[in-house]
């Protein structure tokens, strides 16, 4: 995947594959909801090794 931000479909694949591509991500609870043809809302949390959490909203 060379350009993950070139469309909602490819960005969705990028978001949902984070844990598979990056072993330091231990859990991903992100949800990408399309709002229009070129707009989406991303919410959720990523948990990483060492107890690091990233909240997205």
PDB file of N, CA and C in Angstrom:
ATOM      1  N   UNK A   1       0.860  -1.172   0.000  1.00  0.00           N
ATOM      2  CA  UNK A   1       0.000   0.000   0.000  1.00  0.00           C
ATOM      3  C   UNK A   1       0.901   1.227   0.000  1.00  0.00           C
ATOM      4  N   UNK A   2       0.949   1.906  -1.112  1.00  0.00           N
ATOM      5  CA  UNK A   2       1.872   3.027  -1.235  1.00  0.00           C
ATOM      6  C   UNK A   2       1.247   4.370  -0.874  1.00  0.00           C
ATOM      7  N   UNK A   3      -0.054   4.527  -1.069  1.00  0.00           N
ATOM      8  CA  UNK A   3      -0.700   5.812  -0.786  1.00  0.00           C
ATOM      9  C   UNK A   3      -2.005   5.559  -0.027  1.00  0.00           C
ATOM     10  N   UNK A   4      -1.937   5.376   1.304  1.00  0.00           N
ATOM     11  CA  UNK A   4      -3.130   4.997   2.056  1.00  0.00           C
ATOM     12  C   UNK A   4      -4.196   6.071   2.134  1.00  0.00           C
ATOM     13  N   UNK A   5      -3.886   7.293   1.756  1.00  0.00           N
ATOM     14  CA  UNK A   5      -4.864   8.369   1.877  1.00  0.00           C
ATOM     15  C   UNK A   5      -5.465   8.781   0.541  1.00  0.00           C
ATOM     16  N   UNK A   6      -5.374   7.922  -0.469  1.00  0.00           N
ATOM     17  CA  UNK A   6      -5.891   8.321  -1.782  1.00  0.00           C
ATOM     18  C   UNK A   6      -7.374   8.019  -1.972  1.00  0.00           C
ATOM     19  N   UNK A   7      -8.041   7.448  -0.992  1.00  0.00           N
ATOM     20  CA  UNK A   7      -9.476   7.185  -1.066  1.00  0.00           C
ATOM     21  C   UNK A   7      -9.950   6.511   0.212  1.00  0.00           C
ATOM     22  N   UNK A   8     -11.248   6.521   0.438  1.00  0.00           N
ATOM     23  CA  UNK A   8     -11.787   5.945   1.673  1.00  0.00           C
ATOM     24  C   UNK A   8     -11.529   4.443   1.730  1.00  0.00           C
ATOM     25  N   UNK A   9     -11.643   3.752   0.610  1.00  0.00           N
ATOM     26  CA  UNK A   9     -11.430   2.304   0.610  1.00  0.00           C
ATOM     27  C   UNK A   9     -10.009   1.943   1.017  1.00  0.00           C
ATOM     28  N   UNK A  10      -9.031   2.614   0.443  1.00  0.00           N
ATOM     29  CA  UNK A  10      -7.641   2.301   0.777  1.00  0.00           C
ATOM     30  C   UNK A  10      -7.287   2.786   2.185  1.00  0.00           C
ATOM     31  N   UNK A  11      -7.864   3.906   2.611  1.00  0.00           N
ATOM     32  CA  UNK A  11      -7.625   4.376   3.980  1.00  0.00           C
ATOM     33  C   UNK A  11      -8.243   3.415   4.989  1.00  0.00           C
ATOM     34  N   UNK A  12      -9.406   2.882   4.666  1.00  0.00           N
ATOM     35  CA  UNK A  12     -10.050   1.895   5.533  1.00  0.00           C
ATOM     36  C   UNK A  12      -9.165   0.661   5.678  1.00  0.00           C
ATOM     37  N   UNK A  13      -8.622   0.172   4.579  1.00  0.00           N
ATOM     38  CA  UNK A  13      -7.714  -0.978   4.634  1.00  0.00           C
ATOM     39  C   UNK A  13      -6.478  -0.649   5.469  1.00  0.00           C
ATOM     40  N   UNK A  14      -5.957   0.549   5.333  1.00  0.00           N
ATOM     41  CA  UNK A  14      -4.798   0.996   6.114  1.00  0.00           C
ATOM     42  C   UNK A  14      -5.111   0.988   7.612  1.00  0.00           C
ATOM     43  N   UNK A  15      -6.270   1.551   7.986  1.00  0.00           N
ATOM     44  CA  UNK A  15      -6.659   1.654   9.402  1.00  0.00           C
ATOM     45  C   UNK A  15      -6.878   0.269  10.004  1.00  0.00           C
ATOM     46  N   UNK A  16      -7.617  -0.590   9.305  1.00  0.00           N
ATOM     47  CA  UNK A  16      -7.978  -1.895   9.868  1.00  0.00           C
ATOM     48  C   UNK A  16      -6.814  -2.889   9.859  1.00  0.00           C
ATOM     49  N   UNK A  17      -5.723  -2.585   9.175  1.00  0.00           N
ATOM     50  CA  UNK A  17      -4.570  -3.482   9.148  1.00  0.00           C
ATOM     51  C   UNK A  17      -3.426  -3.001  10.044  1.00  0.00           C
ATOM     52  N   UNK A  18      -3.639  -1.952  10.833  1.00  0.00           N
ATOM     53  CA  UNK A  18      -2.555  -1.408  11.663  1.00  0.00           C
ATOM     54  C   UNK A  18      -1.929  -2.464  12.559  1.00  0.00           C
ATOM     55  N   UNK A  19      -2.742  -3.225  13.290  1.00  0.00           N
ATOM     56  CA  UNK A  19      -2.206  -4.223  14.221  1.00  0.00           C
ATOM     57  C   UNK A  19      -1.464  -5.336  13.487  1.00  0.00           C
ATOM     58  N   UNK A  20      -1.932  -5.705  12.307  1.00  0.00           N
ATOM     59  CA  UNK A  20      -1.267  -6.758  11.534  1.00  0.00           C
ATOM     60  C   UNK A  20       0.085  -6.296  10.993  1.00  0.00           C
ATOM     61  N   UNK A  21       0.199  -5.022  10.653  1.00  0.00           N
ATOM     62  CA  UNK A  21       1.433  -4.491  10.077  1.00  0.00           C
ATOM     63  C   UNK A  21       2.441  -4.032  11.113  1.00  0.00           C
ATOM     64  N   UNK A  22       1.974  -3.680  12.303  1.00  0.00           N
ATOM     65  CA  UNK A  22       2.855  -3.127  13.324  1.00  0.00           C
ATOM     66  C   UNK A  22       2.740  -3.957  14.605  1.00  0.00           C
ATOM     67  N   UNK A  23       3.699  -4.826  14.876  1.00  0.00           N
ATOM     68  CA  UNK A  23       3.619  -5.732  16.021  1.00  0.00           C
ATOM     69  C   UNK A  23       3.547  -5.033  17.380  1.00  0.00           C
ATOM     70  N   UNK A  24       3.977  -3.784  17.471  1.00  0.00           N
ATOM     71  CA  UNK A  24       3.905  -3.079  18.756  1.00  0.00           C
ATOM     72  C   UNK A  24       2.471  -2.668  19.089  1.00  0.00           C
ATOM     73  N   UNK A  25       1.558  -2.701  18.100  1.00  0.00           N
ATOM     74  CA  UNK A  25       0.135  -2.439  18.362  1.00  0.00           C
ATOM     75  C   UNK A  25      -0.467  -3.741  18.867  1.00  0.00           C
ATOM     76  N   UNK A  26      -0.923  -3.738  20.124  1.00  0.00           N
ATOM     77  CA  UNK A  26      -1.461  -4.955  20.719  1.00  0.00           C
ATOM     78  C   UNK A  26      -2.963  -5.101  20.513  1.00  0.00           C
ATOM     79  N   UNK A  27      -3.660  -3.987  20.334  1.00  0.00           N
ATOM     80  CA  UNK A  27      -5.106  -4.043  20.123  1.00  0.00           C
ATOM     81  C   UNK A  27      -5.559  -2.763  19.429  1.00  0.00           C
ATOM     82  N   UNK A  28      -6.441  -2.924  18.466  1.00  0.00           N
ATOM     83  CA  UNK A  28      -6.977  -1.767  17.765  1.00  0.00           C
ATOM     84  C   UNK A  28      -8.495  -1.845  17.768  1.00  0.00           C
ATOM     85  N   UNK A  29      -9.117  -0.787  18.236  1.00  0.00           N
ATOM     86  CA  UNK A  29     -10.575  -0.709  18.283  1.00  0.00           C
ATOM     87  C   UNK A  29     -11.041   0.517  17.494  1.00  0.00           C
ATOM     88  N   UNK A  30     -10.453   0.718  16.335  1.00  0.00           N
ATOM     89  CA  UNK A  30     -10.805   1.866  15.506  1.00  0.00           C
ATOM     90  C   UNK A  30     -11.988   1.538  14.604  1.00  0.00           C
ATOM     91  N   UNK A  31     -12.837   2.521  14.393  1.00  0.00           N
ATOM     92  CA  UNK A  31     -13.974   2.388  13.494  1.00  0.00           C
ATOM     93  C   UNK A  31     -13.949   3.555  12.515  1.00  0.00           C
ATOM     94  N   UNK A  32     -14.006   3.236  11.248  1.00  0.00           N
ATOM     95  CA  UNK A  32     -14.037   4.253  10.199  1.00  0.00           C
ATOM     96  C   UNK A  32     -15.426   4.227   9.569  1.00  0.00           C
ATOM     97  N   UNK A  33     -16.151   5.324   9.699  1.00  0.00           N
ATOM     98  CA  UNK A  33     -17.513   5.411   9.176  1.00  0.00           C
ATOM     99  C   UNK A  33     -17.574   6.461   8.071  1.00  0.00           C
ATOM    100  N   UNK A  34     -17.877   6.050   6.853  1.00  0.00           N
ATOM    101  CA  UNK A  34     -18.002   7.016   5.756  1.00  0.00           C
ATOM    102  C   UNK A  34     -19.123   8.023   6.032  1.00  0.00           C
ATOM    103  N   UNK A  35     -18.845   9.287   5.743  1.00  0.00           N
ATOM    104  CA  UNK A  35     -19.820  10.363   5.910  1.00  0.00           C
ATOM    105  C   UNK A  35     -20.279  10.857   4.538  1.00  0.00           C
ATOM    106  N   UNK A  36     -19.454  10.674   3.554  1.00  0.00           N
ATOM    107  CA  UNK A  36     -19.758  11.099   2.186  1.00  0.00           C
ATOM    108  C   UNK A  36     -18.837  10.371   1.229  1.00  0.00           C
ATOM    109  N   UNK A  37     -18.814  10.811  -0.001  1.00  0.00           N
ATOM    110  CA  UNK A  37     -17.988  10.154  -1.015  1.00  0.00           C
ATOM    111  C   UNK A  37     -16.494  10.264  -0.717  1.00  0.00           C
ATOM    112  N   UNK A  38     -16.076  11.366  -0.095  1.00  0.00           N
ATOM    113  CA  UNK A  38     -14.648  11.583   0.160  1.00  0.00           C
ATOM    114  C   UNK A  38     -14.381  11.984   1.608  1.00  0.00           C
ATOM    115  N   UNK A  39     -15.287  11.627   2.512  1.00  0.00           N
ATOM    116  CA  UNK A  39     -15.142  12.016   3.912  1.00  0.00           C
ATOM    117  C   UNK A  39     -15.557  10.866   4.811  1.00  0.00           C
ATOM    118  N   UNK A  40     -14.803  10.659   5.905  1.00  0.00           N
ATOM    119  CA  UNK A  40     -15.139   9.606   6.857  1.00  0.00           C
ATOM    120  C   UNK A  40     -14.775  10.075   8.260  1.00  0.00           C
ATOM    121  N   UNK A  41     -15.392   9.440   9.242  1.00  0.00           N
ATOM    122  CA  UNK A  41     -15.144   9.755  10.648  1.00  0.00           C
ATOM    123  C   UNK A  41     -14.424   8.562  11.271  1.00  0.00           C
ATOM    124  N   UNK A  42     -13.278   8.832  11.920  1.00  0.00           N
ATOM    125  CA  UNK A  42     -12.483   7.797  12.565  1.00  0.00           C
ATOM    126  C   UNK A  42     -12.573   7.972  14.067  1.00  0.00           C
ATOM    127  N   UNK A  43     -12.940   6.901  14.766  1.00  0.00           N
ATOM    128  CA  UNK A  43     -13.038   6.932  16.227  1.00  0.00           C
ATOM    129  C   UNK A  43     -12.521   5.622  16.788  1.00  0.00           C
ATOM    130  N   UNK A  44     -12.089   5.660  18.045  1.00  0.00           N
ATOM    131  CA  UNK A  44     -11.699   4.451  18.728  1.00  0.00           C
ATOM    132  C   UNK A  44     -10.410   4.604  19.504  1.00  0.00           C
ATOM    133  N   UNK A  45      -9.735   3.465  19.692  1.00  0.00           N
ATOM    134  CA  UNK A  45      -8.514   3.452  20.506  1.00  0.00           C
ATOM    135  C   UNK A  45      -7.549   2.418  19.952  1.00  0.00           C
ATOM    136  N   UNK A  46      -6.278   2.744  20.039  1.00  0.00           N
ATOM    137  CA  UNK A  46      -5.196   1.817  19.723  1.00  0.00           C
ATOM    138  C   UNK A  46      -4.416   1.609  21.015  1.00  0.00           C
ATOM    139  N   UNK A  47      -4.133   0.351  21.341  1.00  0.00           N
ATOM    140  CA  UNK A  47      -3.304   0.032  22.503  1.00  0.00           C
ATOM    141  C   UNK A  47      -1.997  -0.561  22.004  1.00  0.00           C
ATOM    142  N   UNK A  48      -0.901  -0.087  22.601  1.00  0.00           N
ATOM    143  CA  UNK A  48       0.429  -0.530  22.181  1.00  0.00           C
ATOM    144  C   UNK A  48       1.180  -1.131  23.360  1.00  0.00           C
ATOM    145  N   UNK A  49       2.274  -1.786  23.052  1.00  0.00           N
ATOM    146  CA  UNK A  49       3.130  -2.351  24.091  1.00  0.00           C
ATOM    147  C   UNK A  49       3.559  -1.249  25.047  1.00  0.00           C
ATOM    148  N   UNK A  50       3.750  -1.605  26.302  1.00  0.00           N
ATOM    149  CA  UNK A  50       4.191  -0.652  27.298  1.00  0.00           C
ATOM    150  C   UNK A  50       3.038   0.143  27.892  1.00  0.00           C
ATOM    151  N   UNK A  51       1.782  -0.257  27.602  1.00  0.00           N
ATOM    152  CA  UNK A  51       0.642   0.425  28.162  1.00  0.00           C
ATOM    153  C   UNK A  51       0.279   1.737  27.493  1.00  0.00           C
ATOM    154  N   UNK A  52       0.823   1.991  26.325  1.00  0.00           N
ATOM    155  CA  UNK A  52       0.523   3.231  25.606  1.00  0.00           C
ATOM    156  C   UNK A  52      -0.826   3.089  24.908  1.00  0.00           C
ATOM    157  N   UNK A  53      -1.670   4.107  25.064  1.00  0.00           N
ATOM    158  CA  UNK A  53      -2.993   4.124  24.425  1.00  0.00           C
ATOM    159  C   UNK A  53      -3.163   5.416  23.652  1.00  0.00           C
ATOM    160  N   UNK A  54      -3.759   5.290  22.481  1.00  0.00           N
ATOM    161  CA  UNK A  54      -4.076   6.447  21.644  1.00  0.00           C
ATOM    162  C   UNK A  54      -5.576   6.480  21.441  1.00  0.00           C
ATOM    163  N   UNK A  55      -6.225   7.524  21.941  1.00  0.00           N
ATOM    164  CA  UNK A  55      -7.661   7.704  21.766  1.00  0.00           C
ATOM    165  C   UNK A  55      -7.887   8.598  20.543  1.00  0.00           C
ATOM    166  N   UNK A  56      -8.790   8.184  19.678  1.00  0.00           N
ATOM    167  CA  UNK A  56      -9.104   8.940  18.473  1.00  0.00           C
ATOM    168  C   UNK A  56     -10.594   9.257  18.487  1.00  0.00           C
ATOM    169  N   UNK A  57     -10.926  10.581  18.435  1.00  0.00           N
ATOM    170  CA  UNK A  57     -12.331  10.995  18.362  1.00  0.00           C
ATOM    171  C   UNK A  57     -12.461  12.394  17.888  1.00  0.00           C
TER     172      UNK A  57
END
